[in-house]
Amino acid sequence: MLQLSGLRFELLILLDLLLDLISKLSLHVLNGFNTLICVFPQLVGLGVKALLVILFLLNVLALDDLLGLLGNSVELHVHCSFSEIENLEL
């Protein structure tokens, strides 16, 4: 009978420890979710910025190809710093 009551006492302590462990783990899991919620908008912003950089690079490459198709058909001779253009040859 004494062993049975001692076993019940040990099970009660084990149950208390398990409940404490579960509460602490749930607190850490909630903190992890809060961190992810804070980081996710920043991650989306970085993804959008990277996409814009890629689109800009593709735009520059497309314009370079377009100018490459024109070849030497356009020559501009600029002799001043603002807007004086001589010998426009098409």
Protein backbone atom coordinates (compact mmCIF):
# COMPACT_ATOMS: atom_id res chain seq x y z
CA MET A 1 0.00 0.00 0.00
CA LEU A 2 2.89 2.33 0.82
CA GLN A 3 4.54 1.53 -2.53
CA LEU A 4 1.27 2.33 -4.36
CA SER A 5 0.96 5.74 -2.70
CA GLY A 6 4.65 6.45 -3.44
CA LEU A 7 4.04 5.52 -7.09
CA ARG A 8 1.03 7.84 -7.23
CA PHE A 9 3.13 10.65 -5.78
CA GLU A 10 5.86 10.06 -8.38
CA LEU A 11 3.27 10.01 -11.18
CA LEU A 12 1.81 13.27 -9.89
CA ILE A 13 5.27 14.88 -9.94
CA LEU A 14 5.92 13.46 -13.44
CA LEU A 15 2.59 14.86 -14.65
CA ASP A 16 3.44 18.28 -13.22
CA LEU A 17 6.85 18.22 -14.92
CA LEU A 18 5.32 17.16 -18.25
CA LEU A 19 2.73 19.95 -18.09
CA ASP A 20 5.48 22.47 -17.32
CA LEU A 21 7.54 21.17 -20.26
CA ILE A 22 4.56 21.36 -22.62
CA SER A 23 3.75 24.92 -21.54
CA LYS A 24 7.35 26.04 -22.08
CA LEU A 25 7.55 24.32 -25.46
CA SER A 26 4.30 25.92 -26.58
CA LEU A 27 5.66 29.31 -25.50
CA HIS A 28 8.79 28.76 -27.60
CA VAL A 29 6.73 27.60 -30.57
CA LEU A 30 4.59 30.74 -30.36
CA ASN A 31 7.72 32.90 -30.19
CA GLY A 32 9.01 31.11 -33.29
CA PHE A 33 5.77 31.78 -35.15
CA ASN A 34 5.89 35.45 -34.13
CA THR A 35 9.42 35.68 -35.50
CA LEU A 36 8.36 34.11 -38.78
CA ILE A 37 5.42 36.48 -39.02
CA CYS A 38 7.78 39.44 -38.57
CA VAL A 39 10.34 38.14 -41.07
CA PHE A 40 7.89 37.11 -43.81
CA PRO A 41 6.98 40.65 -45.01
CA GLN A 42 10.67 41.54 -45.20
CA LEU A 43 11.31 38.38 -47.20
CA VAL A 44 8.52 39.28 -49.62
CA GLY A 45 9.98 42.78 -49.98
CA LEU A 46 13.41 41.37 -50.79
CA GLY A 47 11.85 39.01 -53.34
CA VAL A 48 10.09 41.90 -55.06
CA LYS A 49 13.32 43.93 -55.14
CA ALA A 50 15.22 40.99 -56.63
CA LEU A 51 12.51 40.55 -59.26
CA LEU A 52 12.72 44.24 -60.17
CA VAL A 53 16.50 43.99 -60.55
CA ILE A 54 16.12 40.97 -62.84
CA LEU A 55 13.47 42.75 -64.93
CA PHE A 56 15.71 45.82 -65.19
CA LEU A 57 18.63 43.64 -66.30
CA LEU A 58 16.43 41.97 -68.93
CA ASN A 59 15.31 45.41 -70.12
CA VAL A 60 18.92 46.57 -70.46
CA LEU A 61 19.84 43.42 -72.37
CA ALA A 62 16.86 43.85 -74.70
CA LEU A 63 17.83 47.47 -75.41
CA ASP A 64 21.42 46.39 -76.02
CA ASP A 65 20.21 43.82 -78.54
CA LEU A 66 18.06 46.48 -80.22
CA LEU A 67 20.98 48.86 -80.49
CA GLY A 68 23.14 45.99 -81.75
CA LEU A 69 20.65 45.44 -84.58
CA LEU A 70 20.99 49.08 -85.60
CA GLY A 71 24.74 48.63 -85.87
CA ASN A 72 26.58 51.74 -86.99
CA SER A 73 23.59 53.29 -88.72
CA VAL A 74 23.38 56.10 -86.18
CA GLU A 75 26.41 58.26 -85.46
CA LEU A 76 26.30 61.28 -83.22
CA HIS A 77 29.11 63.75 -82.84
CA VAL A 78 28.64 65.73 -79.64
CA HIS A 79 30.97 68.70 -79.23
CA CYS A 80 29.46 70.45 -76.25
CA SER A 81 28.12 69.37 -72.91
CA PHE A 82 24.48 70.19 -73.43
CA SER A 83 22.73 69.71 -76.76
CA GLU A 84 24.75 70.63 -79.82
CA ILE A 85 24.81 67.69 -82.25
CA GLU A 86 26.64 67.85 -85.57
CA ASN A 87 26.65 65.50 -88.51
CA LEU A 88 23.59 63.41 -87.76
CA GLU A 89 23.92 60.52 -90.23
CA LEU A 90 21.18 57.97 -90.64
